[in-house]
């Protein structure tokens, strides 16, 4: 994420999201079924050419800010919880990670992470957002969700992926706030 903190124009993060997505794809390729995943970075786009995900993100952000701030919305930046919620909605809607499986040529069973890569990438993205925002405030830490909660959060994201119109960004941003409060653990000591 940008070194100078959070920018109202989060389009500047596109290269960082693509790098994060590429690194996540590399990790997933080591898991059962992971070699069959593809990352459609064109859905995110590039600085001079926005992809569908970023276009949707920008439209959703404008609508959300208008709903919250009214006609003054252009002068306000969204907080990191809302930014994360809107990007996660875009990941779930456009599915930049796709399984490209031909059952005849690959009989292996994919792992849960490779079956639900966009949901799991949403958590990786969320961890990155929380780390960057907290670092801006001088707090070094990491997202450490317990296994049961993480599994339930993946199920929630899967539910939303099946119908992204049901995903209310304000509700998800409140959930993200609570996740940050409970599971973002500051590092202590050197």
Protein backbone atom coordinates (compact mmCIF):
# COMPACT_ATOMS: atom_id res chain seq x y z
CA UNK A 1 0.00 0.00 0.00
CA UNK A 2 1.19 3.58 -0.49
CA UNK A 3 3.95 4.59 1.92
CA UNK A 4 2.34 7.91 2.73
CA UNK A 5 -0.70 6.21 4.23
CA UNK A 6 -4.19 5.91 2.90
CA UNK A 7 -5.08 7.98 -0.08
CA UNK A 8 -8.66 8.89 -0.96
CA UNK A 9 -7.91 7.74 -4.48
CA UNK A 10 -7.22 4.09 -3.77
CA UNK A 11 -6.72 3.41 -7.48
CA UNK A 12 -3.04 4.01 -6.71
CA UNK A 13 -3.11 0.64 -4.92
CA UNK A 14 -3.80 -1.35 -8.10
CA UNK A 15 -0.14 -2.36 -8.62
CA UNK A 16 0.08 -3.44 -4.96
CA UNK A 17 -3.10 -5.50 -5.23
CA UNK A 18 -1.77 -7.18 -8.37
CA UNK A 19 1.53 -7.99 -6.61
CA UNK A 20 -0.40 -9.36 -3.61
CA UNK A 21 -2.62 -11.41 -5.91
CA UNK A 22 0.36 -12.80 -7.83
CA UNK A 23 2.11 -13.78 -4.60
CA UNK A 24 -1.10 -15.43 -3.35
CA UNK A 25 -1.43 -17.34 -6.62
CA UNK A 26 2.15 -18.56 -6.24
CA UNK A 27 1.33 -19.77 -2.70
CA UNK A 28 -1.86 -21.49 -3.84
CA UNK A 29 -0.04 -23.22 -6.69
CA UNK A 30 1.73 -25.34 -4.05
CA UNK A 31 -1.60 -26.65 -2.69
CA UNK A 32 -3.66 -29.51 -4.15
CA UNK A 33 -5.44 -28.16 -7.23
CA UNK A 34 -3.57 -24.86 -7.02
CA UNK A 35 -1.76 -25.33 -10.31
CA UNK A 36 -5.17 -25.05 -11.96
CA UNK A 37 -5.81 -21.54 -10.66
CA UNK A 38 -5.44 -18.42 -12.76
CA UNK A 39 -5.32 -14.81 -11.58
CA UNK A 40 -7.17 -12.42 -13.87
CA UNK A 41 -5.25 -9.24 -13.00
CA UNK A 42 -6.92 -7.45 -15.92
CA UNK A 43 -10.06 -7.34 -13.75
CA UNK A 44 -8.15 -5.04 -11.40
CA UNK A 45 -6.50 -3.06 -14.16
CA UNK A 46 -3.55 -0.72 -14.22
CA UNK A 47 -3.06 2.90 -13.27
CA UNK A 48 -3.94 4.18 -16.75
CA UNK A 49 -6.64 1.59 -17.43
CA UNK A 50 -9.00 0.59 -14.66
CA UNK A 51 -10.43 -2.91 -14.68
CA UNK A 52 -14.01 -3.84 -13.88
CA UNK A 53 -13.22 -4.39 -10.20
CA UNK A 54 -11.80 -0.93 -9.68
CA UNK A 55 -14.59 0.69 -11.71
CA UNK A 56 -17.17 -1.07 -9.50
CA UNK A 57 -15.19 -0.16 -6.38
CA UNK A 58 -15.18 3.52 -7.41
CA UNK A 59 -18.93 3.51 -8.17
CA UNK A 60 -19.71 1.75 -4.89
CA UNK A 61 -17.45 4.15 -2.97
CA UNK A 62 -19.14 7.18 -4.51
CA UNK A 63 -22.58 5.78 -3.65
CA UNK A 64 -21.53 4.87 -0.11
CA UNK A 65 -20.02 8.31 0.53
CA UNK A 66 -23.14 10.01 -0.84
CA UNK A 67 -25.33 7.83 1.39
CA UNK A 68 -23.25 8.73 4.45
CA UNK A 69 -22.21 12.33 3.82
CA UNK A 70 -24.83 13.57 1.35
CA UNK A 71 -23.91 16.36 -1.05
CA UNK A 72 -20.64 16.98 0.83
CA UNK A 73 -19.36 13.49 0.01
CA UNK A 74 -16.54 14.66 -2.28
CA UNK A 75 -14.62 16.19 0.62
CA UNK A 76 -14.47 13.01 2.74
CA UNK A 77 -12.27 9.94 2.53
CA UNK A 78 -13.59 6.52 3.50
CA UNK A 79 -11.92 4.81 6.44
CA UNK A 80 -9.89 1.63 5.97
CA UNK A 81 -12.77 -0.61 7.10
CA UNK A 82 -15.05 0.69 4.34
CA UNK A 83 -12.27 0.59 1.76
CA UNK A 84 -11.56 -3.06 2.65
CA UNK A 85 -15.28 -3.92 2.55
CA UNK A 86 -15.71 -2.38 -0.91
CA UNK A 87 -12.63 -4.10 -2.34
CA UNK A 88 -13.69 -7.42 -0.83
CA UNK A 89 -17.11 -6.96 -2.45
CA UNK A 90 -15.35 -6.39 -5.79
CA UNK A 91 -13.18 -9.51 -5.31
CA UNK A 92 -16.25 -11.61 -4.58
CA UNK A 93 -18.27 -10.15 -7.44
CA UNK A 94 -15.63 -10.38 -10.18
CA UNK A 95 -13.67 -13.41 -8.92
CA UNK A 96 -10.13 -12.55 -10.09
CA UNK A 97 -9.01 -16.06 -9.06
CA UNK A 98 -10.54 -18.81 -11.15
CA UNK A 99 -10.10 -22.56 -11.24
CA UNK A 100 -9.24 -23.65 -14.76
CA UNK A 101 -9.81 -27.37 -14.31
CA UNK A 102 -10.34 -30.00 -16.91
CA UNK A 103 -11.54 -33.07 -14.99
CA UNK A 104 -10.24 -35.35 -17.72
CA UNK A 105 -6.66 -34.12 -17.45
CA UNK A 106 -6.47 -33.34 -13.71
CA UNK A 107 -8.05 -35.83 -11.35
CA UNK A 108 -6.60 -34.21 -8.18
CA UNK A 109 -9.00 -32.85 -5.60
CA UNK A 110 -8.47 -29.16 -4.92
CA UNK A 111 -7.91 -27.99 -1.35
CA UNK A 112 -10.49 -25.76 0.33
CA UNK A 113 -8.28 -22.72 -0.31
CA UNK A 114 -8.09 -23.48 -4.03
CA UNK A 115 -11.85 -24.09 -4.16
CA UNK A 116 -12.52 -20.70 -2.53
CA UNK A 117 -9.53 -18.59 -3.58
CA UNK A 118 -11.37 -15.25 -3.73
CA UNK A 119 -12.69 -15.65 -0.20
CA UNK A 120 -9.25 -16.57 1.13
CA UNK A 121 -7.60 -13.77 -0.87
CA UNK A 122 -10.07 -11.36 0.74
CA UNK A 123 -8.62 -12.30 4.13
CA UNK A 124 -5.05 -11.84 2.85
CA UNK A 125 -6.07 -8.44 1.45
CA UNK A 126 -7.77 -7.54 4.74
CA UNK A 127 -4.63 -8.47 6.70
CA UNK A 128 -2.59 -6.21 4.39
CA UNK A 129 -5.00 -3.27 4.81
CA UNK A 130 -5.03 -3.63 8.60
CA UNK A 131 -1.24 -3.90 8.76
CA UNK A 132 -0.75 -0.83 6.53
CA UNK A 133 -3.26 1.32 8.40
CA UNK A 134 -1.92 0.39 11.82
CA UNK A 135 1.69 0.92 10.65
CA UNK A 136 0.67 4.44 9.63
CA UNK A 137 -0.26 4.93 13.30
CA UNK A 138 3.02 3.43 14.53
CA UNK A 139 1.60 0.00 15.40
CA UNK A 140 3.31 -3.10 14.06
CA UNK A 141 1.12 -6.18 14.21
CA UNK A 142 -0.62 -8.85 12.25
CA UNK A 143 -4.03 -10.40 11.72
CA UNK A 144 -4.26 -13.66 13.68
CA UNK A 145 -7.75 -15.11 13.35
CA UNK A 146 -8.48 -18.35 15.16
CA UNK A 147 -9.26 -21.28 12.88
CA UNK A 148 -12.96 -21.51 13.73
CA UNK A 149 -13.66 -17.80 13.25
CA UNK A 150 -11.63 -17.72 10.04
CA UNK A 151 -13.63 -20.68 8.70
CA UNK A 152 -16.91 -18.97 9.59
CA UNK A 153 -15.75 -15.73 7.97
CA UNK A 154 -14.87 -17.65 4.78
CA UNK A 155 -18.39 -19.14 4.84
CA UNK A 156 -19.85 -15.64 5.18
CA UNK A 157 -17.77 -14.41 2.24
CA UNK A 158 -18.83 -17.46 0.20
CA UNK A 159 -22.47 -16.65 0.98
CA UNK A 160 -21.90 -13.10 -0.26
CA UNK A 161 -20.03 -14.30 -3.37
CA UNK A 162 -23.09 -16.29 -4.33
CA UNK A 163 -25.11 -13.04 -4.30
CA UNK A 164 -22.99 -9.91 -4.01
CA UNK A 165 -26.10 -7.70 -4.09
CA UNK A 166 -26.81 -8.91 -0.54
CA UNK A 167 -23.44 -7.67 0.69
CA UNK A 168 -23.99 -4.39 2.51
CA UNK A 169 -20.60 -2.64 2.61
CA UNK A 170 -21.45 -0.82 5.86
CA UNK A 171 -22.30 -4.10 7.61
CA UNK A 172 -19.14 -5.74 6.30
CA UNK A 173 -17.06 -2.72 7.34
CA UNK A 174 -18.46 -3.05 10.88
CA UNK A 175 -17.53 -6.75 10.86
CA UNK A 176 -14.03 -5.77 9.68
CA UNK A 177 -13.80 -3.25 12.53
CA UNK A 178 -14.67 -6.00 15.01
CA UNK A 179 -12.16 -8.37 13.39
CA UNK A 180 -9.50 -5.69 13.75
CA UNK A 181 -10.38 -5.14 17.41
CA UNK A 182 -10.30 -8.85 18.24
CA UNK A 183 -7.75 -10.39 15.88
CA UNK A 184 -5.23 -7.71 14.90
CA UNK A 185 -2.48 -8.40 17.41
CA UNK A 186 0.19 -5.73 17.95
CA UNK A 187 3.72 -7.08 18.25
CA UNK A 188 5.37 -6.42 21.58
CA UNK A 189 9.06 -5.92 22.15
CA UNK A 190 11.86 -5.67 19.59
